[in-house]
């Protein structure tokens, strides 16, 4: 399951670099969850032909990620933003417990809102 999610994410980033046929096969296999046999029947080709196209597309997506690292950067930024959001909540909590400062509360609130907004993009 994790590999399927990884390939789907790679496809989101690099899918436009694939051929139209590869894009279609990957879309049907990973995003629409069709079997190789179902895709083969719909496309009028052999199951092996579908498998080969999907495997070639996977290899290309992985190679692009190895060269560009866009997905890894995305994951790192998302993790960093999630950590910023946790830290902003912690600052607000400590502020409430130790001695309330309106400036700290407002600032931590803005940081939390911005981090959550950026995570959602």
N, C-alpha and C. Protein backbone atom coordinates (compact mmCIF):
# COMPACT_ATOMS: atom_id res chain seq x y z
N UNK A 1 0.82 -1.20 0.00
CA UNK A 1 0.00 0.00 0.00
C UNK A 1 0.86 1.26 0.00
N UNK A 2 1.92 1.25 0.77
CA UNK A 2 2.77 2.43 0.84
C UNK A 2 3.40 2.74 -0.51
N UNK A 3 3.79 1.70 -1.25
CA UNK A 3 4.38 1.92 -2.56
C UNK A 3 3.36 2.55 -3.50
N UNK A 4 2.10 2.10 -3.42
CA UNK A 4 1.07 2.69 -4.25
C UNK A 4 0.92 4.18 -3.98
N UNK A 5 0.94 4.55 -2.71
CA UNK A 5 0.82 5.96 -2.34
C UNK A 5 2.03 6.74 -2.83
N UNK A 6 3.20 6.13 -2.72
CA UNK A 6 4.43 6.79 -3.17
C UNK A 6 4.40 7.04 -4.68
N UNK A 7 4.01 6.03 -5.44
CA UNK A 7 3.94 6.18 -6.90
C UNK A 7 2.89 7.22 -7.27
N UNK A 8 1.76 7.21 -6.58
CA UNK A 8 0.71 8.20 -6.86
C UNK A 8 1.22 9.61 -6.59
N UNK A 9 2.00 9.79 -5.53
CA UNK A 9 2.58 11.10 -5.23
C UNK A 9 3.61 11.50 -6.29
N UNK A 10 4.46 10.56 -6.67
CA UNK A 10 5.42 10.82 -7.74
C UNK A 10 4.69 11.20 -9.03
N UNK A 11 3.60 10.51 -9.30
CA UNK A 11 2.81 10.80 -10.50
C UNK A 11 2.25 12.22 -10.45
N UNK A 12 1.80 12.66 -9.27
CA UNK A 12 1.31 14.03 -9.12
C UNK A 12 2.38 15.05 -9.48
N UNK A 13 3.62 14.77 -9.10
CA UNK A 13 4.71 15.71 -9.35
C UNK A 13 5.27 15.60 -10.77
N UNK A 14 5.44 14.41 -11.27
CA UNK A 14 6.17 14.20 -12.52
C UNK A 14 5.34 13.59 -13.65
N UNK A 15 4.07 13.35 -13.42
CA UNK A 15 3.25 12.65 -14.40
C UNK A 15 3.23 13.28 -15.78
N UNK A 16 3.30 14.60 -15.85
CA UNK A 16 3.26 15.28 -17.15
C UNK A 16 4.47 14.94 -18.02
N UNK A 17 5.53 14.45 -17.42
CA UNK A 17 6.74 14.09 -18.18
C UNK A 17 6.61 12.71 -18.84
N UNK A 18 5.60 11.95 -18.46
CA UNK A 18 5.37 10.63 -19.05
C UNK A 18 4.63 10.78 -20.38
N UNK A 19 4.67 9.74 -21.18
CA UNK A 19 3.87 9.74 -22.41
C UNK A 19 2.40 9.69 -22.04
N UNK A 20 1.55 10.04 -22.98
CA UNK A 20 0.11 10.01 -22.73
C UNK A 20 -0.34 8.58 -22.38
N UNK A 21 0.23 7.60 -23.05
CA UNK A 21 -0.12 6.20 -22.78
C UNK A 21 0.28 5.81 -21.35
N UNK A 22 1.50 6.19 -20.96
CA UNK A 22 1.97 5.88 -19.61
C UNK A 22 1.11 6.60 -18.56
N UNK A 23 0.79 7.85 -18.83
CA UNK A 23 -0.06 8.60 -17.90
C UNK A 23 -1.39 7.89 -17.71
N UNK A 24 -1.98 7.45 -18.80
CA UNK A 24 -3.26 6.77 -18.74
C UNK A 24 -3.16 5.47 -17.94
N UNK A 25 -2.11 4.69 -18.20
CA UNK A 25 -1.95 3.41 -17.49
C UNK A 25 -1.74 3.63 -15.99
N UNK A 26 -0.89 4.56 -15.65
CA UNK A 26 -0.62 4.84 -14.23
C UNK A 26 -1.89 5.38 -13.56
N UNK A 27 -2.58 6.26 -14.22
CA UNK A 27 -3.83 6.81 -13.68
C UNK A 27 -4.83 5.69 -13.40
N UNK A 28 -5.01 4.81 -14.36
CA UNK A 28 -5.97 3.72 -14.19
C UNK A 28 -5.53 2.74 -13.10
N UNK A 29 -4.23 2.42 -13.07
CA UNK A 29 -3.74 1.41 -12.14
C UNK A 29 -3.65 1.93 -10.71
N UNK A 30 -3.05 3.09 -10.52
CA UNK A 30 -2.83 3.59 -9.16
C UNK A 30 -3.98 4.46 -8.63
N UNK A 31 -4.49 5.35 -9.46
CA UNK A 31 -5.50 6.28 -8.96
C UNK A 31 -6.91 5.71 -9.06
N UNK A 32 -7.19 4.91 -10.09
CA UNK A 32 -8.53 4.32 -10.24
C UNK A 32 -8.59 2.89 -9.72
N UNK A 33 -7.45 2.35 -9.31
CA UNK A 33 -7.35 1.04 -8.68
C UNK A 33 -7.89 -0.10 -9.56
N UNK A 34 -7.66 0.01 -10.88
CA UNK A 34 -8.05 -1.07 -11.77
C UNK A 34 -6.93 -2.11 -11.80
N UNK A 35 -7.28 -3.35 -12.04
CA UNK A 35 -6.27 -4.40 -12.16
C UNK A 35 -5.62 -4.32 -13.53
N UNK A 36 -4.47 -4.99 -13.66
CA UNK A 36 -3.80 -5.04 -14.96
C UNK A 36 -4.72 -5.65 -16.01
N UNK A 37 -5.44 -6.70 -15.63
CA UNK A 37 -6.35 -7.36 -16.57
C UNK A 37 -7.48 -6.43 -17.00
N UNK A 38 -8.02 -5.66 -16.06
CA UNK A 38 -9.09 -4.73 -16.40
C UNK A 38 -8.61 -3.65 -17.36
N UNK A 39 -7.43 -3.13 -17.10
CA UNK A 39 -6.87 -2.11 -17.97
C UNK A 39 -6.61 -2.70 -19.35
N UNK A 40 -6.05 -3.90 -19.39
CA UNK A 40 -5.76 -4.56 -20.67
C UNK A 40 -7.03 -4.73 -21.49
N UNK A 41 -8.09 -5.15 -20.83
CA UNK A 41 -9.36 -5.34 -21.53
C UNK A 41 -9.89 -4.02 -22.07
N UNK A 42 -9.83 -2.97 -21.24
CA UNK A 42 -10.32 -1.65 -21.66
C UNK A 42 -9.49 -1.05 -22.79
N UNK A 43 -8.19 -1.30 -22.76
CA UNK A 43 -7.29 -0.69 -23.73
C UNK A 43 -7.06 -1.56 -24.97
N UNK A 44 -7.51 -2.80 -24.91
CA UNK A 44 -7.35 -3.70 -26.04
C UNK A 44 -5.91 -4.16 -26.24
N UNK A 45 -5.19 -4.31 -25.14
CA UNK A 45 -3.81 -4.82 -25.19
C UNK A 45 -3.67 -5.95 -24.19
N UNK A 46 -2.51 -6.57 -24.17
CA UNK A 46 -2.31 -7.68 -23.25
C UNK A 46 -2.05 -7.16 -21.83
N UNK A 47 -2.29 -8.04 -20.87
CA UNK A 47 -1.99 -7.74 -19.48
C UNK A 47 -0.50 -7.44 -19.33
N UNK A 48 0.34 -8.21 -20.02
CA UNK A 48 1.79 -8.00 -19.97
C UNK A 48 2.16 -6.63 -20.54
N UNK A 49 1.45 -6.21 -21.58
CA UNK A 49 1.70 -4.88 -22.15
C UNK A 49 1.40 -3.78 -21.17
N UNK A 50 0.32 -3.95 -20.42
CA UNK A 50 -0.04 -2.97 -19.38
C UNK A 50 1.01 -2.98 -18.29
N UNK A 51 1.39 -4.17 -17.85
CA UNK A 51 2.39 -4.28 -16.78
C UNK A 51 3.69 -3.61 -17.19
N UNK A 52 4.14 -3.87 -18.42
CA UNK A 52 5.38 -3.27 -18.91
C UNK A 52 5.29 -1.74 -18.94
N UNK A 53 4.16 -1.23 -19.41
CA UNK A 53 3.98 0.23 -19.47
C UNK A 53 3.99 0.84 -18.07
N UNK A 54 3.32 0.17 -17.12
CA UNK A 54 3.27 0.67 -15.75
C UNK A 54 4.67 0.62 -15.13
N UNK A 55 5.38 -0.49 -15.33
CA UNK A 55 6.73 -0.62 -14.76
C UNK A 55 7.70 0.40 -15.35
N UNK A 56 7.61 0.65 -16.66
CA UNK A 56 8.47 1.67 -17.28
C UNK A 56 8.15 3.05 -16.71
N UNK A 57 6.86 3.33 -16.55
CA UNK A 57 6.45 4.62 -15.99
C UNK A 57 6.96 4.77 -14.56
N UNK A 58 6.82 3.72 -13.74
CA UNK A 58 7.33 3.74 -12.37
C UNK A 58 8.82 4.05 -12.36
N UNK A 59 9.56 3.36 -13.23
CA UNK A 59 11.01 3.57 -13.28
C UNK A 59 11.34 5.01 -13.65
N UNK A 60 10.60 5.58 -14.59
CA UNK A 60 10.85 6.96 -14.99
C UNK A 60 10.52 7.92 -13.85
N UNK A 61 9.42 7.68 -13.15
CA UNK A 61 9.04 8.54 -12.03
C UNK A 61 10.10 8.50 -10.93
N UNK A 62 10.55 7.29 -10.61
CA UNK A 62 11.59 7.14 -9.59
C UNK A 62 12.90 7.79 -10.01
N UNK A 63 13.24 7.68 -11.29
CA UNK A 63 14.47 8.30 -11.78
C UNK A 63 14.38 9.83 -11.70
N UNK A 64 13.22 10.37 -12.05
CA UNK A 64 13.05 11.83 -11.96
C UNK A 64 13.18 12.28 -10.51
N UNK A 65 12.61 11.52 -9.59
CA UNK A 65 12.72 11.88 -8.17
C UNK A 65 14.18 11.79 -7.71
N UNK A 66 14.90 10.77 -8.17
CA UNK A 66 16.31 10.64 -7.81
C UNK A 66 17.12 11.85 -8.28
N UNK A 67 16.73 12.43 -9.39
CA UNK A 67 17.46 13.57 -9.94
C UNK A 67 17.00 14.90 -9.35
N UNK A 68 15.70 15.05 -9.13
CA UNK A 68 15.16 16.36 -8.75
C UNK A 68 14.78 16.49 -7.27
N UNK A 69 14.42 15.40 -6.63
CA UNK A 69 14.08 15.38 -5.20
C UNK A 69 12.91 16.29 -4.83
N UNK A 70 11.98 16.53 -5.75
CA UNK A 70 10.86 17.41 -5.46
C UNK A 70 9.90 16.82 -4.43
N UNK A 71 9.64 15.53 -4.52
CA UNK A 71 8.73 14.89 -3.58
C UNK A 71 9.34 14.89 -2.18
N UNK A 72 10.63 14.60 -2.09
CA UNK A 72 11.28 14.62 -0.78
C UNK A 72 11.28 16.02 -0.18
N UNK A 73 11.51 17.03 -0.99
CA UNK A 73 11.45 18.41 -0.50
C UNK A 73 10.05 18.74 0.00
N UNK A 74 9.04 18.31 -0.76
CA UNK A 74 7.66 18.54 -0.37
C UNK A 74 7.38 17.89 0.99
N UNK A 75 7.80 16.64 1.14
CA UNK A 75 7.58 15.93 2.40
C UNK A 75 8.31 16.61 3.55
N UNK A 76 9.54 17.05 3.30
CA UNK A 76 10.32 17.73 4.34
C UNK A 76 9.66 19.05 4.75
N UNK A 77 9.17 19.82 3.77
CA UNK A 77 8.51 21.08 4.09
C UNK A 77 7.23 20.84 4.87
N UNK A 78 6.47 19.83 4.47
CA UNK A 78 5.22 19.52 5.16
C UNK A 78 5.50 19.10 6.61
N UNK A 79 6.52 18.27 6.80
CA UNK A 79 6.88 17.85 8.16
C UNK A 79 7.34 19.05 8.98
N UNK A 80 8.09 19.94 8.37
CA UNK A 80 8.54 21.14 9.07
C UNK A 80 7.38 22.04 9.47
N UNK A 81 6.43 22.19 8.57
CA UNK A 81 5.25 23.01 8.89
C UNK A 81 4.41 22.38 9.99
N UNK A 82 4.30 21.07 9.96
CA UNK A 82 3.56 20.39 11.03
C UNK A 82 4.27 20.57 12.37
N UNK A 83 5.60 20.55 12.36
CA UNK A 83 6.35 20.79 13.60
C UNK A 83 6.18 22.22 14.07
N UNK A 84 6.19 23.16 13.15
CA UNK A 84 5.96 24.57 13.51
C UNK A 84 4.58 24.72 14.15
N UNK A 85 3.58 24.07 13.59
CA UNK A 85 2.22 24.14 14.15
C UNK A 85 2.19 23.56 15.57
N UNK A 86 2.86 22.41 15.76
CA UNK A 86 2.91 21.81 17.12
C UNK A 86 3.60 22.75 18.09
N UNK A 87 4.71 23.36 17.66
CA UNK A 87 5.45 24.27 18.53
C UNK A 87 4.63 25.52 18.85
N UNK A 88 3.88 26.03 17.88
CA UNK A 88 3.03 27.20 18.14
C UNK A 88 1.95 26.87 19.16
N UNK A 89 1.39 25.66 19.06
CA UNK A 89 0.39 25.24 20.07
C UNK A 89 1.04 25.12 21.44
N UNK A 90 2.25 24.60 21.49
CA UNK A 90 2.96 24.45 22.76
C UNK A 90 3.28 25.83 23.36
N UNK A 91 3.70 26.76 22.55
CA UNK A 91 3.98 28.12 23.03
C UNK A 91 2.71 28.74 23.61
N UNK A 92 1.60 28.56 22.92
CA UNK A 92 0.33 29.10 23.43
C UNK A 92 -0.05 28.45 24.75
N UNK A 93 0.18 27.14 24.86
CA UNK A 93 -0.13 26.43 26.09
C UNK A 93 0.74 26.91 27.25
N UNK A 94 2.03 27.04 27.00
CA UNK A 94 2.95 27.52 28.04
C UNK A 94 2.59 28.95 28.42
N UNK A 95 2.25 29.76 27.44
CA UNK A 95 1.84 31.14 27.71
C UNK A 95 0.63 31.18 28.63
N UNK A 96 -0.33 30.30 28.40
CA UNK A 96 -1.52 30.26 29.24
C UNK A 96 -1.20 29.81 30.67
N UNK A 97 -0.26 28.86 30.81
CA UNK A 97 0.06 28.30 32.13
C UNK A 97 0.95 29.21 32.95
N UNK A 98 1.91 29.84 32.35
CA UNK A 98 2.97 30.52 33.11
C UNK A 98 2.67 31.99 33.37
N UNK A 99 2.03 32.62 32.53
CA UNK A 99 1.75 34.03 32.70
C UNK A 99 1.35 34.57 31.35
N UNK A 100 0.11 34.83 31.20
CA UNK A 100 -0.45 35.15 29.91
C UNK A 100 0.10 36.46 29.36
N UNK A 101 0.52 36.42 28.10
CA UNK A 101 0.92 37.61 27.36
C UNK A 101 0.08 37.64 26.09
N UNK A 102 -0.64 38.72 25.90
CA UNK A 102 -1.48 38.85 24.71
C UNK A 102 -0.63 38.85 23.45
N UNK A 103 0.52 39.48 23.50
CA UNK A 103 1.40 39.52 22.32
C UNK A 103 1.85 38.11 21.92
N UNK A 104 2.23 37.32 22.92
CA UNK A 104 2.65 35.94 22.64
C UNK A 104 1.47 35.13 22.11
N UNK A 105 0.32 35.30 22.69
CA UNK A 105 -0.87 34.57 22.24
C UNK A 105 -1.22 34.92 20.80
N UNK A 106 -1.17 36.20 20.47
CA UNK A 106 -1.48 36.62 19.10
C UNK A 106 -0.45 36.11 18.11
N UNK A 107 0.81 36.21 18.49
CA UNK A 107 1.89 35.77 17.61
C UNK A 107 1.83 34.26 17.38
N UNK A 108 1.65 33.49 18.44
CA UNK A 108 1.57 32.03 18.28
C UNK A 108 0.34 31.65 17.48
N UNK A 109 -0.74 32.39 17.65
CA UNK A 109 -1.95 32.14 16.87
C UNK A 109 -1.74 32.38 15.39
N UNK A 110 -1.03 33.47 15.05
CA UNK A 110 -0.74 33.76 13.64
C UNK A 110 0.18 32.70 13.04
N UNK A 111 1.17 32.28 13.80
CA UNK A 111 2.09 31.24 13.33
C UNK A 111 1.32 29.94 13.08
N UNK A 112 0.47 29.57 14.00
CA UNK A 112 -0.31 28.34 13.86
C UNK A 112 -1.23 28.42 12.64
N UNK A 113 -1.93 29.53 12.47
CA UNK A 113 -2.82 29.68 11.31
C UNK A 113 -2.05 29.58 10.00
N UNK A 114 -0.91 30.24 9.92
CA UNK A 114 -0.12 30.22 8.69
C UNK A 114 0.42 28.83 8.41
N UNK A 115 0.93 28.15 9.43
CA UNK A 115 1.45 26.80 9.25
C UNK A 115 0.35 25.85 8.77
N UNK A 116 -0.82 25.94 9.38
CA UNK A 116 -1.92 25.07 8.98
C UNK A 116 -2.38 25.38 7.56
N UNK A 117 -2.41 26.64 7.20
CA UNK A 117 -2.78 27.02 5.83
C UNK A 117 -1.79 26.46 4.83
N UNK A 118 -0.51 26.57 5.12
CA UNK A 118 0.51 26.07 4.21
C UNK A 118 0.51 24.54 4.10
N UNK A 119 0.19 23.85 5.18
CA UNK A 119 0.10 22.38 5.14
C UNK A 119 -1.04 21.96 4.22
N UNK A 120 -2.11 22.71 4.21
CA UNK A 120 -3.27 22.36 3.40
C UNK A 120 -3.06 22.59 1.91
N UNK A 121 -2.09 23.41 1.54
CA UNK A 121 -1.84 23.68 0.11
C UNK A 121 -1.35 22.45 -0.51
